[in-house]
Amino acid sequence: GGAAEKTEFDVIMTSFGDSKMNVIKAIKDVMGLGLKESKEFVEGLPKPVKEGASKADADDIKAKLEAAGATIEIK
């Protein structure tokens, strides 16, 4: 072993699922974007929501977006 513990994570949204509007609202909240920008973001998937996030941050964002119906990958 001896592999370094990963400390930076990219949160990637791959799908908005069945509730696009909920996901747009969640993205608006998580990323601090306007409604128009959030809608454009969600329509251009897959996209990174946050890059270089801490584990706690990445998990928090993932939980919020998955609660809205999105599919999230953490890399």
PDB file of N, CA and C in Angstrom:
ATOM      1  N   GLY A   1       0.830  -1.212   0.000  1.00  0.00           N
ATOM      2  CA  GLY A   1       0.000   0.000   0.000  1.00  0.00           C
ATOM      3  C   GLY A   1       0.857   1.252   0.000  1.00  0.00           C
ATOM      4  N   GLY A   2       0.517   2.192   0.877  1.00  0.00           N
ATOM      5  CA  GLY A   2       1.246   3.435   0.986  1.00  0.00           C
ATOM      6  C   GLY A   2       0.753   4.497   0.016  1.00  0.00           C
ATOM      7  N   ALA A   3      -0.351   4.255  -0.655  1.00  0.00           N
ATOM      8  CA  ALA A   3      -0.908   5.277  -1.548  1.00  0.00           C
ATOM      9  C   ALA A   3      -1.421   6.436  -0.707  1.00  0.00           C
ATOM     10  N   ALA A   4      -1.137   7.637  -1.158  1.00  0.00           N
ATOM     11  CA  ALA A   4      -1.578   8.827  -0.431  1.00  0.00           C
ATOM     12  C   ALA A   4      -3.101   8.888  -0.403  1.00  0.00           C
ATOM     13  N   GLU A   5      -3.621   9.314   0.712  1.00  0.00           N
ATOM     14  CA  GLU A   5      -5.066   9.510   0.831  1.00  0.00           C
ATOM     15  C   GLU A   5      -5.467  10.644  -0.106  1.00  0.00           C
ATOM     16  N   LYS A   6      -6.483  10.416  -0.889  1.00  0.00           N
ATOM     17  CA  LYS A   6      -6.964  11.450  -1.809  1.00  0.00           C
ATOM     18  C   LYS A   6      -7.622  12.562  -1.002  1.00  0.00           C
ATOM     19  N   THR A   7      -7.233  13.794  -1.264  1.00  0.00           N
ATOM     20  CA  THR A   7      -7.772  14.919  -0.490  1.00  0.00           C
ATOM     21  C   THR A   7      -8.598  15.874  -1.336  1.00  0.00           C
ATOM     22  N   GLU A   8      -8.499  15.759  -2.660  1.00  0.00           N
ATOM     23  CA  GLU A   8      -9.279  16.638  -3.521  1.00  0.00           C
ATOM     24  C   GLU A   8     -10.164  15.818  -4.439  1.00  0.00           C
ATOM     25  N   PHE A   9     -11.408  16.209  -4.519  1.00  0.00           N
ATOM     26  CA  PHE A   9     -12.396  15.443  -5.265  1.00  0.00           C
ATOM     27  C   PHE A   9     -13.137  16.343  -6.238  1.00  0.00           C
ATOM     28  N   ASP A  10     -13.435  15.793  -7.418  1.00  0.00           N
ATOM     29  CA  ASP A  10     -14.264  16.498  -8.383  1.00  0.00           C
ATOM     30  C   ASP A  10     -15.674  15.911  -8.313  1.00  0.00           C
ATOM     31  N   VAL A  11     -16.645  16.785  -8.198  1.00  0.00           N
ATOM     32  CA  VAL A  11     -18.047  16.376  -8.140  1.00  0.00           C
ATOM     33  C   VAL A  11     -18.639  16.597  -9.536  1.00  0.00           C
ATOM     34  N   ILE A  12     -18.988  15.506 -10.201  1.00  0.00           N
ATOM     35  CA  ILE A  12     -19.490  15.569 -11.570  1.00  0.00           C
ATOM     36  C   ILE A  12     -20.968  15.195 -11.607  1.00  0.00           C
ATOM     37  N   MET A  13     -21.776  16.050 -12.219  1.00  0.00           N
ATOM     38  CA  MET A  13     -23.179  15.696 -12.409  1.00  0.00           C
ATOM     39  C   MET A  13     -23.329  15.056 -13.791  1.00  0.00           C
ATOM     40  N   THR A  14     -23.873  13.834 -13.812  1.00  0.00           N
ATOM     41  CA  THR A  14     -24.001  13.119 -15.074  1.00  0.00           C
ATOM     42  C   THR A  14     -25.431  13.116 -15.607  1.00  0.00           C
ATOM     43  N   SER A  15     -26.412  13.340 -14.736  1.00  0.00           N
ATOM     44  CA  SER A  15     -27.811  13.321 -15.161  1.00  0.00           C
ATOM     45  C   SER A  15     -28.663  14.116 -14.185  1.00  0.00           C
ATOM     46  N   PHE A  16     -29.727  14.740 -14.699  1.00  0.00           N
ATOM     47  CA  PHE A  16     -30.640  15.442 -13.794  1.00  0.00           C
ATOM     48  C   PHE A  16     -31.875  14.613 -13.466  1.00  0.00           C
ATOM     49  N   GLY A  17     -31.943  13.394 -14.004  1.00  0.00           N
ATOM     50  CA  GLY A  17     -33.033  12.494 -13.624  1.00  0.00           C
ATOM     51  C   GLY A  17     -34.399  12.985 -14.072  1.00  0.00           C
ATOM     52  N   ASP A  18     -35.402  12.736 -13.257  1.00  0.00           N
ATOM     53  CA  ASP A  18     -36.786  13.014 -13.633  1.00  0.00           C
ATOM     54  C   ASP A  18     -37.276  14.389 -13.194  1.00  0.00           C
ATOM     55  N   SER A  19     -36.479  15.072 -12.385  1.00  0.00           N
ATOM     56  CA  SER A  19     -36.975  16.332 -11.812  1.00  0.00           C
ATOM     57  C   SER A  19     -36.001  17.460 -12.119  1.00  0.00           C
ATOM     58  N   LYS A  20     -35.980  17.831 -13.391  1.00  0.00           N
ATOM     59  CA  LYS A  20     -35.049  18.851 -13.874  1.00  0.00           C
ATOM     60  C   LYS A  20     -35.139  20.151 -13.069  1.00  0.00           C
ATOM     61  N   MET A  21     -36.360  20.619 -12.809  1.00  0.00           N
ATOM     62  CA  MET A  21     -36.515  21.898 -12.103  1.00  0.00           C
ATOM     63  C   MET A  21     -35.917  21.842 -10.696  1.00  0.00           C
ATOM     64  N   ASN A  22     -36.129  20.731  -9.996  1.00  0.00           N
ATOM     65  CA  ASN A  22     -35.546  20.572  -8.660  1.00  0.00           C
ATOM     66  C   ASN A  22     -34.023  20.620  -8.717  1.00  0.00           C
ATOM     67  N   VAL A  23     -33.470  19.972  -9.733  1.00  0.00           N
ATOM     68  CA  VAL A  23     -32.012  19.928  -9.879  1.00  0.00           C
ATOM     69  C   VAL A  23     -31.479  21.313 -10.234  1.00  0.00           C
ATOM     70  N   ILE A  24     -32.190  22.029 -11.092  1.00  0.00           N
ATOM     71  CA  ILE A  24     -31.784  23.404 -11.430  1.00  0.00           C
ATOM     72  C   ILE A  24     -31.758  24.264 -10.165  1.00  0.00           C
ATOM     73  N   LYS A  25     -32.778  24.125  -9.332  1.00  0.00           N
ATOM     74  CA  LYS A  25     -32.827  24.893  -8.072  1.00  0.00           C
ATOM     75  C   LYS A  25     -31.681  24.515  -7.150  1.00  0.00           C
ATOM     76  N   ALA A  26     -31.369  23.207  -7.095  1.00  0.00           N
ATOM     77  CA  ALA A  26     -30.278  22.738  -6.238  1.00  0.00           C
ATOM     78  C   ALA A  26     -28.929  23.260  -6.726  1.00  0.00           C
ATOM     79  N   ILE A  27     -28.729  23.258  -8.049  1.00  0.00           N
ATOM     80  CA  ILE A  27     -27.496  23.779  -8.639  1.00  0.00           C
ATOM     81  C   ILE A  27     -27.354  25.274  -8.361  1.00  0.00           C
ATOM     82  N   LYS A  28     -28.478  25.979  -8.484  1.00  0.00           N
ATOM     83  CA  LYS A  28     -28.508  27.413  -8.202  1.00  0.00           C
ATOM     84  C   LYS A  28     -28.029  27.669  -6.773  1.00  0.00           C
ATOM     85  N   ASP A  29     -28.525  26.845  -5.860  1.00  0.00           N
ATOM     86  CA  ASP A  29     -28.185  26.954  -4.446  1.00  0.00           C
ATOM     87  C   ASP A  29     -26.724  26.576  -4.183  1.00  0.00           C
ATOM     88  N   VAL A  30     -26.311  25.427  -4.709  1.00  0.00           N
ATOM     89  CA  VAL A  30     -24.969  24.892  -4.440  1.00  0.00           C
ATOM     90  C   VAL A  30     -23.875  25.737  -5.098  1.00  0.00           C
ATOM     91  N   MET A  31     -24.125  26.202  -6.315  1.00  0.00           N
ATOM     92  CA  MET A  31     -23.087  26.897  -7.076  1.00  0.00           C
ATOM     93  C   MET A  31     -23.205  28.410  -7.033  1.00  0.00           C
ATOM     94  N   GLY A  32     -24.326  28.915  -6.493  1.00  0.00           N
ATOM     95  CA  GLY A  32     -24.508  30.362  -6.413  1.00  0.00           C
ATOM     96  C   GLY A  32     -24.704  31.014  -7.770  1.00  0.00           C
ATOM     97  N   LEU A  33     -25.295  30.276  -8.693  1.00  0.00           N
ATOM     98  CA  LEU A  33     -25.554  30.803 -10.031  1.00  0.00           C
ATOM     99  C   LEU A  33     -26.943  31.421 -10.114  1.00  0.00           C
ATOM    100  N   GLY A  34     -27.170  32.183 -11.167  1.00  0.00           N
ATOM    101  CA  GLY A  34     -28.510  32.669 -11.460  1.00  0.00           C
ATOM    102  C   GLY A  34     -29.332  31.540 -12.067  1.00  0.00           C
ATOM    103  N   LEU A  35     -30.631  31.751 -12.198  1.00  0.00           N
ATOM    104  CA  LEU A  35     -31.514  30.713 -12.712  1.00  0.00           C
ATOM    105  C   LEU A  35     -31.159  30.331 -14.154  1.00  0.00           C
ATOM    106  N   LYS A  36     -30.894  31.323 -14.988  1.00  0.00           N
ATOM    107  CA  LYS A  36     -30.565  31.078 -16.393  1.00  0.00           C
ATOM    108  C   LYS A  36     -29.279  30.242 -16.499  1.00  0.00           C
ATOM    109  N   GLU A  37     -28.256  30.649 -15.737  1.00  0.00           N
ATOM    110  CA  GLU A  37     -26.981  29.924 -15.744  1.00  0.00           C
ATOM    111  C   GLU A  37     -27.144  28.500 -15.223  1.00  0.00           C
ATOM    112  N   SER A  38     -27.961  28.347 -14.199  1.00  0.00           N
ATOM    113  CA  SER A  38     -28.207  27.020 -13.623  1.00  0.00           C
ATOM    114  C   SER A  38     -28.876  26.111 -14.642  1.00  0.00           C
ATOM    115  N   LYS A  39     -29.846  26.661 -15.375  1.00  0.00           N
ATOM    116  CA  LYS A  39     -30.571  25.898 -16.390  1.00  0.00           C
ATOM    117  C   LYS A  39     -29.598  25.471 -17.497  1.00  0.00           C
ATOM    118  N   GLU A  40     -28.747  26.400 -17.939  1.00  0.00           N
ATOM    119  CA  GLU A  40     -27.764  26.089 -18.988  1.00  0.00           C
ATOM    120  C   GLU A  40     -26.785  25.023 -18.504  1.00  0.00           C
ATOM    121  N   PHE A  41     -26.389  25.125 -17.245  1.00  0.00           N
ATOM    122  CA  PHE A  41     -25.468  24.141 -16.663  1.00  0.00           C
ATOM    123  C   PHE A  41     -26.083  22.746 -16.714  1.00  0.00           C
ATOM    124  N   VAL A  42     -27.313  22.645 -16.244  1.00  0.00           N
ATOM    125  CA  VAL A  42     -28.000  21.359 -16.142  1.00  0.00           C
ATOM    126  C   VAL A  42     -28.271  20.761 -17.532  1.00  0.00           C
ATOM    127  N   GLU A  43     -28.460  21.623 -18.518  1.00  0.00           N
ATOM    128  CA  GLU A  43     -28.732  21.134 -19.874  1.00  0.00           C
ATOM    129  C   GLU A  43     -27.464  20.719 -20.618  1.00  0.00           C
ATOM    130  N   GLY A  44     -26.296  20.993 -20.038  1.00  0.00           N
ATOM    131  CA  GLY A  44     -25.047  20.681 -20.724  1.00  0.00           C
ATOM    132  C   GLY A  44     -24.255  19.560 -20.075  1.00  0.00           C
ATOM    133  N   LEU A  45     -24.951  18.635 -19.422  1.00  0.00           N
ATOM    134  CA  LEU A  45     -24.273  17.551 -18.700  1.00  0.00           C
ATOM    135  C   LEU A  45     -23.584  16.574 -19.649  1.00  0.00           C
ATOM    136  N   PRO A  46     -22.604  15.810 -19.181  1.00  0.00           N
ATOM    137  CA  PRO A  46     -22.050  15.842 -17.818  1.00  0.00           C
ATOM    138  C   PRO A  46     -21.134  17.052 -17.610  1.00  0.00           C
ATOM    139  N   LYS A  47     -21.141  17.567 -16.403  1.00  0.00           N
ATOM    140  CA  LYS A  47     -20.330  18.740 -16.067  1.00  0.00           C
ATOM    141  C   LYS A  47     -19.861  18.657 -14.622  1.00  0.00           C
ATOM    142  N   PRO A  48     -18.674  19.208 -14.354  1.00  0.00           N
ATOM    143  CA  PRO A  48     -18.222  19.281 -12.957  1.00  0.00           C
ATOM    144  C   PRO A  48     -18.969  20.374 -12.193  1.00  0.00           C
ATOM    145  N   VAL A  49     -19.529  20.002 -11.064  1.00  0.00           N
ATOM    146  CA  VAL A  49     -20.208  20.966 -10.198  1.00  0.00           C
ATOM    147  C   VAL A  49     -19.157  21.694  -9.373  1.00  0.00           C
ATOM    148  N   LYS A  50     -18.198  20.930  -8.876  1.00  0.00           N
ATOM    149  CA  LYS A  50     -17.106  21.513  -8.101  1.00  0.00           C
ATOM    150  C   LYS A  50     -15.863  20.659  -8.299  1.00  0.00           C
ATOM    151  N   GLU A  51     -14.727  21.322  -8.498  1.00  0.00           N
ATOM    152  CA  GLU A  51     -13.466  20.613  -8.668  1.00  0.00           C
ATOM    153  C   GLU A  51     -12.547  20.932  -7.496  1.00  0.00           C
ATOM    154  N   GLY A  52     -11.772  19.944  -7.101  1.00  0.00           N
ATOM    155  CA  GLY A  52     -10.837  20.136  -5.996  1.00  0.00           C
ATOM    156  C   GLY A  52     -11.518  20.350  -4.657  1.00  0.00           C
ATOM    157  N   ALA A  53     -12.681  19.739  -4.484  1.00  0.00           N
ATOM    158  CA  ALA A  53     -13.422  19.872  -3.227  1.00  0.00           C
ATOM    159  C   ALA A  53     -12.853  18.918  -2.179  1.00  0.00           C
ATOM    160  N   SER A  54     -13.010  19.288  -0.911  1.00  0.00           N
ATOM    161  CA  SER A  54     -12.647  18.363   0.169  1.00  0.00           C
ATOM    162  C   SER A  54     -13.662  17.213   0.169  1.00  0.00           C
ATOM    163  N   LYS A  55     -13.318  16.122   0.849  1.00  0.00           N
ATOM    164  CA  LYS A  55     -14.212  14.968   0.940  1.00  0.00           C
ATOM    165  C   LYS A  55     -15.566  15.383   1.531  1.00  0.00           C
ATOM    166  N   ALA A  56     -15.526  16.156   2.611  1.00  0.00           N
ATOM    167  CA  ALA A  56     -16.761  16.591   3.279  1.00  0.00           C
ATOM    168  C   ALA A  56     -17.618  17.450   2.356  1.00  0.00           C
ATOM    169  N   ASP A  57     -16.956  18.380   1.658  1.00  0.00           N
ATOM    170  CA  ASP A  57     -17.634  19.251   0.697  1.00  0.00           C
ATOM    171  C   ASP A  57     -18.263  18.447  -0.429  1.00  0.00           C
ATOM    172  N   ALA A  58     -17.481  17.541  -0.975  1.00  0.00           N
ATOM    173  CA  ALA A  58     -17.946  16.710  -2.092  1.00  0.00           C
ATOM    174  C   ALA A  58     -19.152  15.873  -1.668  1.00  0.00           C
ATOM    175  N   ASP A  59     -19.074  15.281  -0.482  1.00  0.00           N
ATOM    176  CA  ASP A  59     -20.181  14.459   0.033  1.00  0.00           C
ATOM    177  C   ASP A  59     -21.436  15.303   0.255  1.00  0.00           C
ATOM    178  N   ASP A  60     -21.234  16.524   0.761  1.00  0.00           N
ATOM    179  CA  ASP A  60     -22.341  17.435   1.042  1.00  0.00           C
ATOM    180  C   ASP A  60     -23.052  17.831  -0.256  1.00  0.00           C
ATOM    181  N   ILE A  61     -22.268  18.217  -1.259  1.00  0.00           N
ATOM    182  CA  ILE A  61     -22.823  18.608  -2.556  1.00  0.00           C
ATOM    183  C   ILE A  61     -23.551  17.430  -3.199  1.00  0.00           C
ATOM    184  N   LYS A  62     -22.920  16.252  -3.150  1.00  0.00           N
ATOM    185  CA  LYS A  62     -23.515  15.035  -3.714  1.00  0.00           C
ATOM    186  C   LYS A  62     -24.875  14.765  -3.064  1.00  0.00           C
ATOM    187  N   ALA A  63     -24.927  14.855  -1.738  1.00  0.00           N
ATOM    188  CA  ALA A  63     -26.168  14.591  -1.009  1.00  0.00           C
ATOM    189  C   ALA A  63     -27.269  15.569  -1.416  1.00  0.00           C
ATOM    190  N   LYS A  64     -26.921  16.853  -1.511  1.00  0.00           N
ATOM    191  CA  LYS A  64     -27.906  17.878  -1.882  1.00  0.00           C
ATOM    192  C   LYS A  64     -28.458  17.639  -3.281  1.00  0.00           C
ATOM    193  N   LEU A  65     -27.565  17.347  -4.220  1.00  0.00           N
ATOM    194  CA  LEU A  65     -27.986  17.190  -5.608  1.00  0.00           C
ATOM    195  C   LEU A  65     -28.728  15.873  -5.822  1.00  0.00           C
ATOM    196  N   GLU A  66     -28.289  14.820  -5.131  1.00  0.00           N
ATOM    197  CA  GLU A  66     -28.995  13.540  -5.253  1.00  0.00           C
ATOM    198  C   GLU A  66     -30.384  13.634  -4.631  1.00  0.00           C
ATOM    199  N   ALA A  67     -30.519  14.418  -3.577  1.00  0.00           N
ATOM    200  CA  ALA A  67     -31.836  14.629  -2.965  1.00  0.00           C
ATOM    201  C   ALA A  67     -32.798  15.296  -3.961  1.00  0.00           C
ATOM    202  N   ALA A  68     -32.241  16.113  -4.860  1.00  0.00           N
ATOM    203  CA  ALA A  68     -33.046  16.789  -5.873  1.00  0.00           C
ATOM    204  C   ALA A  68     -33.323  15.870  -7.077  1.00  0.00           C
ATOM    205  N   GLY A  69     -32.615  14.752  -7.142  1.00  0.00           N
ATOM    206  CA  GLY A  69     -32.869  13.784  -8.202  1.00  0.00           C
ATOM    207  C   GLY A  69     -31.741  13.613  -9.207  1.00  0.00           C
ATOM    208  N   ALA A  70     -30.640  14.335  -9.011  1.00  0.00           N
ATOM    209  CA  ALA A  70     -29.521  14.255  -9.950  1.00  0.00           C
ATOM    210  C   ALA A  70     -28.697  12.975  -9.727  1.00  0.00           C
ATOM    211  N   THR A  71     -27.939  12.600 -10.739  1.00  0.00           N
ATOM    212  CA  THR A  71     -26.965  11.515 -10.616  1.00  0.00           C
ATOM    213  C   THR A  71     -25.586  12.163 -10.532  1.00  0.00           C
ATOM    214  N   ILE A  72     -24.845  11.828  -9.484  1.00  0.00           N
ATOM    215  CA  ILE A  72     -23.570  12.466  -9.192  1.00  0.00           C
ATOM    216  C   ILE A  72     -22.459  11.415  -9.123  1.00  0.00           C
ATOM    217  N   GLU A  73     -21.332  11.748  -9.703  1.00  0.00           N
ATOM    218  CA  GLU A  73     -20.123  10.931  -9.557  1.00  0.00           C
ATOM    219  C   GLU A  73     -19.069  11.764  -8.861  1.00  0.00           C
ATOM    220  N   ILE A  74     -18.353  11.136  -7.955  1.00  0.00           N
ATOM    221  CA  ILE A  74     -17.221  11.814  -7.331  1.00  0.00           C
ATOM    222  C   ILE A  74     -15.953  11.135  -7.824  1.00  0.00           C
ATOM    223  N   LYS A  75     -15.049  11.923  -8.373  1.00  0.00           N
ATOM    224  CA  LYS A  75     -13.815  11.384  -8.933  1.00  0.00           C
ATOM    225  C   LYS A  75     -12.622  11.921  -8.190  1.00  0.00           C
TER     226      LYS A  75
END
